Amino acid sequence: MKSRLKDLRMEKGYTQIKMQHLTGIDQSDYSKIENGKRYYTFEQCKRIALALDTSMDYLAGLTDDKKPYPRRTN
């Protein structure tokens, strides 16, 4: 989980501060999540997946496909 999260963030060129702005997750908490010192909630996982344009399944290691699922339009 943690390497996928950091790898995706780095691919996007985002800092942890940028992730804080995109997700509303405090930078220190985000750092702990990224380093495996804290688990994220369902809502945090959803926000991170949206910010990094991926799926929650990818973040959880359930798939190796980084592409997000089609999103609802409403």
N, C-alpha and C. Protein backbone atom coordinates (compact mmCIF):
# COMPACT_ATOMS: atom_id res chain seq x y z
N MET A 1 0.82 -1.20 0.00
CA MET A 1 0.00 0.00 0.00
C MET A 1 0.86 1.25 0.00
N LYS A 2 1.79 1.34 0.95
CA LYS A 2 2.51 2.60 1.09
C LYS A 2 3.35 2.94 -0.12
N SER A 3 4.00 1.95 -0.75
CA SER A 3 4.83 2.29 -1.91
C SER A 3 3.96 2.72 -3.08
N ARG A 4 2.80 2.10 -3.24
CA ARG A 4 1.90 2.52 -4.32
C ARG A 4 1.47 3.96 -4.12
N LEU A 5 1.14 4.29 -2.90
CA LEU A 5 0.67 5.64 -2.59
C LEU A 5 1.76 6.66 -2.89
N LYS A 6 2.95 6.42 -2.41
CA LYS A 6 4.06 7.35 -2.65
C LYS A 6 4.43 7.39 -4.12
N ASP A 7 4.48 6.22 -4.76
CA ASP A 7 4.83 6.17 -6.18
C ASP A 7 3.85 6.97 -7.03
N LEU A 8 2.55 6.81 -6.76
CA LEU A 8 1.55 7.58 -7.51
C LEU A 8 1.69 9.08 -7.27
N ARG A 9 1.90 9.44 -6.02
CA ARG A 9 2.06 10.86 -5.70
C ARG A 9 3.26 11.44 -6.44
N MET A 10 4.36 10.71 -6.45
CA MET A 10 5.57 11.19 -7.11
C MET A 10 5.38 11.24 -8.63
N GLU A 11 4.67 10.27 -9.20
CA GLU A 11 4.39 10.28 -10.64
C GLU A 11 3.63 11.53 -11.04
N LYS A 12 2.73 11.96 -10.18
CA LYS A 12 1.94 13.16 -10.45
C LYS A 12 2.73 14.45 -10.19
N GLY A 13 3.88 14.31 -9.52
CA GLY A 13 4.67 15.48 -9.17
C GLY A 13 4.11 16.25 -7.99
N TYR A 14 3.32 15.56 -7.16
CA TYR A 14 2.68 16.20 -6.01
C TYR A 14 3.56 16.06 -4.76
N THR A 15 3.54 17.09 -3.94
CA THR A 15 4.15 17.02 -2.62
C THR A 15 3.08 16.57 -1.63
N GLN A 16 3.51 16.27 -0.41
CA GLN A 16 2.53 15.91 0.61
C GLN A 16 1.65 17.11 0.94
N ILE A 17 2.20 18.30 0.84
CA ILE A 17 1.39 19.52 1.07
C ILE A 17 0.31 19.65 -0.01
N LYS A 18 0.67 19.35 -1.26
CA LYS A 18 -0.32 19.38 -2.35
C LYS A 18 -1.42 18.36 -2.06
N MET A 19 -1.04 17.18 -1.57
CA MET A 19 -2.03 16.16 -1.23
C MET A 19 -2.94 16.65 -0.11
N GLN A 20 -2.40 17.40 0.82
CA GLN A 20 -3.22 17.97 1.89
C GLN A 20 -4.28 18.88 1.29
N HIS A 21 -3.89 19.70 0.34
CA HIS A 21 -4.84 20.62 -0.30
C HIS A 21 -5.89 19.87 -1.12
N LEU A 22 -5.47 18.80 -1.78
CA LEU A 22 -6.39 18.05 -2.64
C LEU A 22 -7.35 17.16 -1.85
N THR A 23 -6.91 16.65 -0.70
CA THR A 23 -7.70 15.66 0.03
C THR A 23 -8.29 16.16 1.34
N GLY A 24 -7.74 17.23 1.88
CA GLY A 24 -8.18 17.70 3.19
C GLY A 24 -7.58 16.90 4.34
N ILE A 25 -6.64 16.01 4.02
CA ILE A 25 -5.96 15.21 5.06
C ILE A 25 -4.72 15.97 5.48
N ASP A 26 -4.59 16.23 6.77
CA ASP A 26 -3.44 16.95 7.29
C ASP A 26 -2.13 16.32 6.81
N GLN A 27 -1.16 17.13 6.46
CA GLN A 27 0.11 16.63 5.90
C GLN A 27 0.78 15.64 6.83
N SER A 28 0.78 15.88 8.12
CA SER A 28 1.44 14.94 9.04
C SER A 28 0.70 13.61 9.07
N ASP A 29 -0.62 13.64 9.01
CA ASP A 29 -1.40 12.40 8.94
C ASP A 29 -1.16 11.69 7.61
N TYR A 30 -1.11 12.47 6.53
CA TYR A 30 -0.87 11.88 5.22
C TYR A 30 0.50 11.20 5.19
N SER A 31 1.50 11.84 5.78
CA SER A 31 2.84 11.26 5.85
C SER A 31 2.82 9.92 6.59
N LYS A 32 2.08 9.87 7.68
CA LYS A 32 1.97 8.61 8.45
C LYS A 32 1.28 7.53 7.62
N ILE A 33 0.27 7.90 6.87
CA ILE A 33 -0.42 6.94 6.00
C ILE A 33 0.55 6.43 4.94
N GLU A 34 1.26 7.36 4.32
CA GLU A 34 2.18 7.01 3.25
C GLU A 34 3.32 6.11 3.75
N ASN A 35 3.73 6.30 4.97
CA ASN A 35 4.83 5.51 5.54
C ASN A 35 4.38 4.28 6.30
N GLY A 36 3.08 3.98 6.25
CA GLY A 36 2.56 2.78 6.87
C GLY A 36 2.46 2.83 8.38
N LYS A 37 2.52 4.04 8.95
CA LYS A 37 2.41 4.19 10.40
C LYS A 37 0.97 4.42 10.85
N ARG A 38 0.09 4.60 9.87
CA ARG A 38 -1.32 4.84 10.17
C ARG A 38 -2.15 4.34 9.00
N TYR A 39 -3.31 3.79 9.29
CA TYR A 39 -4.23 3.37 8.25
C TYR A 39 -5.17 4.51 7.91
N TYR A 40 -5.61 4.54 6.66
CA TYR A 40 -6.58 5.56 6.31
C TYR A 40 -7.99 5.01 6.42
N THR A 41 -8.92 5.93 6.61
CA THR A 41 -10.33 5.56 6.67
C THR A 41 -10.84 5.35 5.24
N PHE A 42 -12.02 4.80 5.13
CA PHE A 42 -12.65 4.63 3.82
C PHE A 42 -12.74 5.98 3.11
N GLU A 43 -13.20 7.00 3.81
CA GLU A 43 -13.36 8.33 3.22
C GLU A 43 -12.02 8.91 2.77
N GLN A 44 -10.98 8.73 3.59
CA GLN A 44 -9.66 9.22 3.21
C GLN A 44 -9.14 8.48 1.97
N CYS A 45 -9.36 7.18 1.92
CA CYS A 45 -8.94 6.38 0.76
C CYS A 45 -9.64 6.88 -0.49
N LYS A 46 -10.93 7.17 -0.37
CA LYS A 46 -11.70 7.68 -1.50
C LYS A 46 -11.14 9.02 -1.98
N ARG A 47 -10.85 9.91 -1.06
CA ARG A 47 -10.30 11.22 -1.43
C ARG A 47 -8.93 11.09 -2.09
N ILE A 48 -8.10 10.20 -1.56
CA ILE A 48 -6.76 9.98 -2.12
C ILE A 48 -6.88 9.40 -3.53
N ALA A 49 -7.76 8.42 -3.72
CA ALA A 49 -7.95 7.82 -5.04
C ALA A 49 -8.40 8.87 -6.06
N LEU A 50 -9.32 9.73 -5.66
CA LEU A 50 -9.77 10.80 -6.56
C LEU A 50 -8.65 11.77 -6.88
N ALA A 51 -7.87 12.15 -5.88
CA ALA A 51 -6.78 13.11 -6.09
C ALA A 51 -5.69 12.53 -6.99
N LEU A 52 -5.44 11.23 -6.88
CA LEU A 52 -4.37 10.60 -7.66
C LEU A 52 -4.89 9.94 -8.93
N ASP A 53 -6.19 10.10 -9.22
CA ASP A 53 -6.81 9.56 -10.42
C ASP A 53 -6.56 8.06 -10.56
N THR A 54 -6.91 7.34 -9.51
CA THR A 54 -6.77 5.89 -9.48
C THR A 54 -7.99 5.30 -8.78
N SER A 55 -7.97 4.00 -8.55
CA SER A 55 -9.07 3.36 -7.84
C SER A 55 -8.68 3.02 -6.41
N MET A 56 -9.67 2.88 -5.57
CA MET A 56 -9.42 2.45 -4.20
C MET A 56 -8.86 1.02 -4.20
N ASP A 57 -9.29 0.21 -5.16
CA ASP A 57 -8.78 -1.15 -5.27
C ASP A 57 -7.27 -1.15 -5.54
N TYR A 58 -6.82 -0.22 -6.38
CA TYR A 58 -5.38 -0.14 -6.66
C TYR A 58 -4.62 0.25 -5.39
N LEU A 59 -5.14 1.23 -4.66
CA LEU A 59 -4.48 1.65 -3.42
C LEU A 59 -4.43 0.52 -2.41
N ALA A 60 -5.45 -0.33 -2.40
CA ALA A 60 -5.52 -1.44 -1.46
C ALA A 60 -4.74 -2.66 -1.92
N GLY A 61 -4.20 -2.61 -3.14
CA GLY A 61 -3.43 -3.74 -3.66
C GLY A 61 -4.29 -4.87 -4.21
N LEU A 62 -5.56 -4.58 -4.51
CA LEU A 62 -6.46 -5.61 -5.03
C LEU A 62 -6.38 -5.74 -6.54
N THR A 63 -5.77 -4.77 -7.20
CA THR A 63 -5.56 -4.80 -8.64
C THR A 63 -4.24 -4.12 -8.95
N ASP A 64 -3.68 -4.47 -10.09
CA ASP A 64 -2.45 -3.81 -10.53
C ASP A 64 -2.73 -2.75 -11.59
N ASP A 65 -4.00 -2.56 -11.92
CA ASP A 65 -4.41 -1.58 -12.91
C ASP A 65 -4.60 -0.23 -12.22
N LYS A 66 -3.79 0.75 -12.60
CA LYS A 66 -3.85 2.08 -11.97
C LYS A 66 -5.06 2.90 -12.41
N LYS A 67 -5.63 2.55 -13.58
CA LYS A 67 -6.73 3.35 -14.12
C LYS A 67 -7.92 3.34 -13.17
N PRO A 68 -8.54 4.49 -12.98
CA PRO A 68 -9.75 4.52 -12.15
C PRO A 68 -10.92 3.91 -12.90
N TYR A 69 -11.91 3.47 -12.16
CA TYR A 69 -13.14 2.99 -12.76
C TYR A 69 -13.89 4.19 -13.33
N PRO A 70 -14.77 3.95 -14.29
CA PRO A 70 -15.59 5.06 -14.79
C PRO A 70 -16.36 5.70 -13.64
N ARG A 71 -16.38 6.99 -13.59
CA ARG A 71 -17.04 7.73 -12.51
C ARG A 71 -18.46 8.11 -12.91
N ARG A 72 -19.30 8.21 -11.89
CA ARG A 72 -20.66 8.71 -12.13
C ARG A 72 -20.58 10.18 -12.50
N THR A 73 -21.51 10.63 -13.29
CA THR A 73 -21.50 12.01 -13.74
C THR A 73 -22.39 12.92 -12.91
N ASN A 74 -23.17 12.38 -11.99
CA ASN A 74 -24.07 13.23 -11.20
C ASN A 74 -23.50 13.56 -9.87
